[in-house]
Every structure is written in C-alpha cells, then in structure tokens.
Amino acid sequence: MAEYHAKSINSLSFEVSKDSQFVGRLIYKSWFKFNAEIEIGNRFYLVEPKGFWGTTIELKDNERVILKFRMNWNGEIVIQTYFDEVKQGFLFKHRGIFKESFVLTDQQGNELFVMKPHLKWSSMNYEYDITTSETFETLFNKEILLINSLHCANYYMSMISSAVI
C-alpha cells in the first residue's frame, strides 16, 4: 500500500508525488479541452480526444496508442491499456456524494486505489489524496495509469458538471 498526492499547481497542471518525491505531471493545453501531456521522468505522453464528439480519449507514446478511455452510459470510465501489446481493462468510477471519491478496479472488480478529491477554496483548485493497494504497486506502468486516472477524475467532473448545466 502506498500514498500519493496530486496537487494542482495552477489551473492547467497537476503534480503527483509519493513521499514528497516527484512522480509525474499532468499538463493541460488549455481550459475547456481534454488535450494534455503527461510527464513521467524524462518521458512525455500525449493525451488526445478522438472521434467526432471526442468521447474517446487516447494516450500516446509517440504515435503508438498505449491507453484509451471513455465514459459509459452509467457514468463509469472504461480504461483499456495496451502496454507491451498486452490489452488490459480497468474501471474508474465515482463513489459517494458527501464523502466523494474515485475508485480504480481491475477486470475482476478488485480495488486498486481510492482517490479522494479536496477543493482548495483559496485557489479554487483540486488536490487528490490517492491510496493504492499492494496489487496496484506491482502493476507495470503504474505511474501512467495513476496520472491518467487523475485526467479521468477531471474528465468525469467536467462531463458531469456540463450535464447538470
């Protein structure tokens, strides 16, 4: 089990750390768009919406798609990874209203982590506390999955808030 912290540096970027050590960064290109860049170590990955409505989001390592996600009809986000040409599925879902959190599960329904958002009223930015399971810590490319899940949380909140308006 491990504890991560994601902090909004400004309205367009988040930094993720574990034990005060930098893990990676999520950088949005602009407000109101889902295009972003993920930085882990010295590597950069591109996040882009695909399709006419942009409902499927792809994560690319150069031109190779290594991850896709989309929201299904009941508000859960279905994630497909293609690390080393091996397809694996995950489910990212919202839990609760007053003590809200996000949960990532594997295909068997095992909880891999819980992500709890905290709105910082002084800056109107979100921070997230993420508690992972031992199973998550053994996953290949867990950092990519973790930072992409931060993008999923922001995507979820954006889609839900636009549906409410």
C-alpha atoms as a PDB file:
ATOM      1  CA  MET A   1       0.000   0.000   0.000  1.00  0.00           C
ATOM      2  CA  ALA A   2       1.242   3.492  -0.871  1.00  0.00           C
ATOM      3  CA  GLU A   3       0.088   7.090  -0.506  1.00  0.00           C
ATOM      4  CA  TYR A   4       0.289   9.564  -3.383  1.00  0.00           C
ATOM      5  CA  HIS A   5      -0.658  13.227  -3.503  1.00  0.00           C
ATOM      6  CA  ALA A   6      -1.729  15.155  -6.613  1.00  0.00           C
ATOM      7  CA  LYS A   7      -1.674  18.914  -6.326  1.00  0.00           C
ATOM      8  CA  SER A   8      -2.959  21.468  -8.797  1.00  0.00           C
ATOM      9  CA  ILE A   9      -0.057  23.845  -9.428  1.00  0.00           C
ATOM     10  CA  ASN A  10      -2.251  26.209 -11.445  1.00  0.00           C
ATOM     11  CA  SER A  11      -5.481  25.782 -13.359  1.00  0.00           C
ATOM     12  CA  LEU A  12      -3.691  23.823 -16.116  1.00  0.00           C
ATOM     13  CA  SER A  13      -1.263  21.476 -14.363  1.00  0.00           C
ATOM     14  CA  PHE A  14      -1.069  18.883 -11.599  1.00  0.00           C
ATOM     15  CA  GLU A  15       1.997  17.376  -9.945  1.00  0.00           C
ATOM     16  CA  VAL A  16       1.905  13.908  -8.411  1.00  0.00           C
ATOM     17  CA  SER A  17       4.245  12.917  -5.596  1.00  0.00           C
ATOM     18  CA  LYS A  18       4.858   9.964  -3.318  1.00  0.00           C
ATOM     19  CA  ASP A  19       6.660  10.555   0.000  1.00  0.00           C
ATOM     20  CA  SER A  20       7.481  14.110  -1.229  1.00  0.00           C
ATOM     21  CA  GLN A  21       9.232  12.633  -4.291  1.00  0.00           C
ATOM     22  CA  PHE A  22       8.111  13.789  -7.750  1.00  0.00           C
ATOM     23  CA  VAL A  23       6.327  11.024  -9.697  1.00  0.00           C
ATOM     24  CA  GLY A  24       4.906  12.884 -12.672  1.00  0.00           C
ATOM     25  CA  ARG A  25       2.897  15.758 -14.045  1.00  0.00           C
ATOM     26  CA  LEU A  26      -0.369  16.245 -15.953  1.00  0.00           C
ATOM     27  CA  ILE A  27      -0.370  19.393 -18.089  1.00  0.00           C
ATOM     28  CA  TYR A  28      -3.471  20.595 -19.932  1.00  0.00           C
ATOM     29  CA  LYS A  29      -3.025  22.594 -23.137  1.00  0.00           C
ATOM     30  CA  SER A  30      -5.908  24.970 -22.384  1.00  0.00           C
ATOM     31  CA  TRP A  31      -9.140  25.306 -20.462  1.00  0.00           C
ATOM     32  CA  PHE A  32     -12.216  23.505 -21.770  1.00  0.00           C
ATOM     33  CA  LYS A  33     -10.209  20.947 -23.764  1.00  0.00           C
ATOM     34  CA  PHE A  34      -9.146  17.421 -22.899  1.00  0.00           C
ATOM     35  CA  ASN A  35      -5.825  17.626 -24.733  1.00  0.00           C
ATOM     36  CA  ALA A  36      -2.996  17.200 -22.274  1.00  0.00           C
ATOM     37  CA  GLU A  37       0.521  15.961 -21.781  1.00  0.00           C
ATOM     38  CA  ILE A  38       1.730  13.517 -19.140  1.00  0.00           C
ATOM     39  CA  GLU A  39       5.322  13.766 -17.952  1.00  0.00           C
ATOM     40  CA  ILE A  40       6.949  10.872 -16.093  1.00  0.00           C
ATOM     41  CA  GLY A  41      10.704  11.028 -15.639  1.00  0.00           C
ATOM     42  CA  ASN A  42      12.084  12.318 -18.925  1.00  0.00           C
ATOM     43  CA  ARG A  43       9.230  10.845 -20.994  1.00  0.00           C
ATOM     44  CA  PHE A  44       6.240  12.707 -22.345  1.00  0.00           C
ATOM     45  CA  TYR A  45       2.936  11.181 -23.419  1.00  0.00           C
ATOM     46  CA  LEU A  46       0.209  12.913 -25.401  1.00  0.00           C
ATOM     47  CA  VAL A  47      -3.466  12.772 -24.368  1.00  0.00           C
ATOM     48  CA  GLU A  48      -5.965  13.490 -27.174  1.00  0.00           C
ATOM     49  CA  PRO A  49      -9.710  13.151 -27.724  1.00  0.00           C
ATOM     50  CA  LYS A  50     -10.654  11.038 -30.758  1.00  0.00           C
ATOM     51  CA  GLY A  51     -13.734  10.780 -32.914  1.00  0.00           C
ATOM     52  CA  PHE A  52     -16.290  13.353 -33.992  1.00  0.00           C
ATOM     53  CA  TRP A  53     -17.587  14.039 -30.483  1.00  0.00           C
ATOM     54  CA  GLY A  54     -14.241  13.433 -28.774  1.00  0.00           C
ATOM     55  CA  THR A  55     -15.786  10.899 -26.400  1.00  0.00           C
ATOM     56  CA  THR A  56     -12.834   8.513 -26.552  1.00  0.00           C
ATOM     57  CA  ILE A  57      -9.561   9.801 -25.137  1.00  0.00           C
ATOM     58  CA  GLU A  58      -6.254   8.250 -26.237  1.00  0.00           C
ATOM     59  CA  LEU A  59      -2.871   8.317 -24.536  1.00  0.00           C
ATOM     60  CA  LYS A  60       0.031   8.041 -26.967  1.00  0.00           C
ATOM     61  CA  ASP A  61       3.701   7.239 -26.627  1.00  0.00           C
ATOM     62  CA  ASN A  62       4.906   8.971 -29.790  1.00  0.00           C
ATOM     63  CA  GLU A  63       2.354   7.696 -32.340  1.00  0.00           C
ATOM     64  CA  ARG A  64       1.576   4.407 -30.554  1.00  0.00           C
ATOM     65  CA  VAL A  65      -1.684   4.293 -28.564  1.00  0.00           C
ATOM     66  CA  ILE A  66      -0.933   2.749 -25.165  1.00  0.00           C
ATOM     67  CA  LEU A  67      -4.192   3.595 -23.380  1.00  0.00           C
ATOM     68  CA  LYS A  68      -7.792   4.585 -24.232  1.00  0.00           C
ATOM     69  CA  PHE A  69     -10.699   5.592 -22.060  1.00  0.00           C
ATOM     70  CA  ARG A  70     -14.321   6.579 -22.470  1.00  0.00           C
ATOM     71  CA  MET A  71     -17.302   7.164 -20.218  1.00  0.00           C
ATOM     72  CA  ASN A  72     -20.014   4.505 -20.432  1.00  0.00           C
ATOM     73  CA  TRP A  73     -23.771   5.021 -20.128  1.00  0.00           C
ATOM     74  CA  ASN A  74     -23.811   4.849 -16.302  1.00  0.00           C
ATOM     75  CA  GLY A  75     -21.006   7.346 -15.656  1.00  0.00           C
ATOM     76  CA  GLU A  76     -18.147   4.881 -15.193  1.00  0.00           C
ATOM     77  CA  ILE A  77     -14.977   5.351 -17.198  1.00  0.00           C
ATOM     78  CA  VAL A  78     -13.743   2.269 -19.031  1.00  0.00           C
ATOM     79  CA  ILE A  79      -9.942   2.205 -19.446  1.00  0.00           C
ATOM     80  CA  GLN A  80      -8.117  -0.082 -21.868  1.00  0.00           C
ATOM     81  CA  THR A  81      -4.320  -0.298 -21.692  1.00  0.00           C
ATOM     82  CA  TYR A  82      -2.032  -1.717 -24.369  1.00  0.00           C
ATOM     83  CA  PHE A  83       1.311  -1.794 -22.549  1.00  0.00           C
ATOM     84  CA  ASP A  84       3.764  -4.064 -24.386  1.00  0.00           C
ATOM     85  CA  GLU A  85       0.934  -5.067 -26.763  1.00  0.00           C
ATOM     86  CA  VAL A  86      -0.984  -6.700 -23.868  1.00  0.00           C
ATOM     87  CA  LYS A  87      -4.595  -5.500 -23.591  1.00  0.00           C
ATOM     88  CA  GLN A  88      -5.878  -4.983 -20.052  1.00  0.00           C
ATOM     89  CA  GLY A  89      -9.110  -3.402 -18.795  1.00  0.00           C
ATOM     90  CA  PHE A  90      -9.878  -1.219 -15.784  1.00  0.00           C
ATOM     91  CA  LEU A  91     -12.908   0.626 -14.477  1.00  0.00           C
ATOM     92  CA  PHE A  92     -12.709   4.111 -12.959  1.00  0.00           C
ATOM     93  CA  LYS A  93     -15.818   5.087 -11.040  1.00  0.00           C
ATOM     94  CA  HIS A  94     -17.185   7.766  -8.773  1.00  0.00           C
ATOM     95  CA  ARG A  95     -18.344   6.859  -5.272  1.00  0.00           C
ATOM     96  CA  GLY A  96     -20.410   8.847  -2.809  1.00  0.00           C
ATOM     97  CA  ILE A  97     -21.727  12.385  -2.755  1.00  0.00           C
ATOM     98  CA  PHE A  98     -20.716  13.976   0.536  1.00  0.00           C
ATOM     99  CA  LYS A  99     -17.566  11.919   1.062  1.00  0.00           C
ATOM    100  CA  GLU A 100     -16.873  11.557  -2.607  1.00  0.00           C
ATOM    101  CA  SER A 101     -14.020   9.552  -4.027  1.00  0.00           C
ATOM    102  CA  PHE A 102     -12.964   7.783  -7.195  1.00  0.00           C
ATOM    103  CA  VAL A 103     -12.015   4.129  -7.346  1.00  0.00           C
ATOM    104  CA  LEU A 104      -9.977   2.198  -9.908  1.00  0.00           C
ATOM    105  CA  THR A 105     -10.769  -1.513 -10.204  1.00  0.00           C
ATOM    106  CA  ASP A 106      -9.372  -4.285 -12.359  1.00  0.00           C
ATOM    107  CA  GLN A 107     -11.472  -6.602 -14.540  1.00  0.00           C
ATOM    108  CA  GLN A 108     -12.199  -8.874 -11.573  1.00  0.00           C
ATOM    109  CA  GLY A 109     -13.561  -5.937  -9.536  1.00  0.00           C
ATOM    110  CA  ASN A 110     -10.559  -5.723  -7.187  1.00  0.00           C
ATOM    111  CA  GLU A 111      -9.995  -2.205  -5.866  1.00  0.00           C
ATOM    112  CA  LEU A 112      -6.594  -0.908  -6.984  1.00  0.00           C
ATOM    113  CA  PHE A 113      -6.769   2.571  -5.486  1.00  0.00           C
ATOM    114  CA  VAL A 114      -9.040   5.169  -3.941  1.00  0.00           C
ATOM    115  CA  MET A 115      -8.639   8.803  -4.998  1.00  0.00           C
ATOM    116  CA  LYS A 116     -10.155  11.472  -2.735  1.00  0.00           C
ATOM    117  CA  PRO A 117     -10.551  14.985  -4.157  1.00  0.00           C
ATOM    118  CA  HIS A 118     -10.235  18.088  -1.991  1.00  0.00           C
ATOM    119  CA  LEU A 119     -11.225  21.518  -3.303  1.00  0.00           C
ATOM    120  CA  LYS A 120      -8.885  24.242  -2.085  1.00  0.00           C
ATOM    121  CA  TRP A 121     -11.247  27.188  -1.724  1.00  0.00           C
ATOM    122  CA  SER A 122      -8.448  29.756  -1.571  1.00  0.00           C
ATOM    123  CA  SER A 123      -7.247  28.870  -5.075  1.00  0.00           C
ATOM    124  CA  MET A 124     -10.356  27.043  -6.407  1.00  0.00           C
ATOM    125  CA  ASN A 125      -8.071  24.168  -7.415  1.00  0.00           C
ATOM    126  CA  TYR A 126      -8.337  20.475  -6.618  1.00  0.00           C
ATOM    127  CA  GLU A 127      -5.893  18.275  -4.792  1.00  0.00           C
ATOM    128  CA  TYR A 128      -6.191  14.498  -4.560  1.00  0.00           C
ATOM    129  CA  ASP A 129      -5.040  12.003  -1.951  1.00  0.00           C
ATOM    130  CA  ILE A 130      -4.561   8.578  -3.512  1.00  0.00           C
ATOM    131  CA  THR A 131      -4.220   5.364  -1.521  1.00  0.00           C
ATOM    132  CA  THR A 132      -3.148   2.373  -3.591  1.00  0.00           C
ATOM    133  CA  SER A 133      -3.360  -1.355  -2.942  1.00  0.00           C
ATOM    134  CA  GLU A 134      -0.411  -3.720  -2.904  1.00  0.00           C
ATOM    135  CA  THR A 135      -1.653  -5.135  -6.226  1.00  0.00           C
ATOM    136  CA  PHE A 136      -1.551  -1.684  -7.844  1.00  0.00           C
ATOM    137  CA  GLU A 137       2.030  -1.182  -6.704  1.00  0.00           C
ATOM    138  CA  THR A 138       3.074  -4.280  -8.693  1.00  0.00           C
ATOM    139  CA  LEU A 139       1.489  -3.112 -11.970  1.00  0.00           C
ATOM    140  CA  PHE A 140       3.689  -2.392 -14.958  1.00  0.00           C
ATOM    141  CA  ASN A 141       3.453   1.322 -15.892  1.00  0.00           C
ATOM    142  CA  LYS A 142       1.504   2.118 -12.712  1.00  0.00           C
ATOM    143  CA  GLU A 143       2.635   5.771 -12.913  1.00  0.00           C
ATOM    144  CA  ILE A 144       0.984   6.206 -16.323  1.00  0.00           C
ATOM    145  CA  LEU A 145      -2.202   4.588 -15.048  1.00  0.00           C
ATOM    146  CA  LEU A 146      -2.149   6.765 -11.917  1.00  0.00           C
ATOM    147  CA  ILE A 147      -1.663  10.087 -13.716  1.00  0.00           C
ATOM    148  CA  ASN A 148      -4.128   9.122 -16.444  1.00  0.00           C
ATOM    149  CA  SER A 149      -6.657   8.415 -13.674  1.00  0.00           C
ATOM    150  CA  LEU A 150      -6.148  11.983 -12.485  1.00  0.00           C
ATOM    151  CA  HIS A 151      -7.150  13.035 -16.013  1.00  0.00           C
ATOM    152  CA  CYS A 152     -10.168  10.672 -15.726  1.00  0.00           C
ATOM    153  CA  ALA A 153     -11.263  12.380 -12.481  1.00  0.00           C
ATOM    154  CA  ASN A 154     -11.068  15.802 -14.126  1.00  0.00           C
ATOM    155  CA  TYR A 155     -12.852  14.435 -17.207  1.00  0.00           C
ATOM    156  CA  TYR A 156     -15.603  12.948 -15.027  1.00  0.00           C
ATOM    157  CA  MET A 157     -16.156  16.200 -13.128  1.00  0.00           C
ATOM    158  CA  SER A 158     -16.225  18.168 -16.374  1.00  0.00           C
ATOM    159  CA  MET A 159     -18.705  15.809 -18.051  1.00  0.00           C
ATOM    160  CA  ILE A 160     -20.992  15.655 -15.020  1.00  0.00           C
ATOM    161  CA  SER A 161     -20.959  19.413 -14.471  1.00  0.00           C
ATOM    162  CA  SER A 162     -21.761  20.036 -18.146  1.00  0.00           C
ATOM    163  CA  ALA A 163     -24.654  17.551 -17.928  1.00  0.00           C
ATOM    164  CA  VAL A 164     -26.058  19.414 -14.922  1.00  0.00           C
ATOM    165  CA  ILE A 165     -25.970  22.840 -16.595  1.00  0.00           C
END
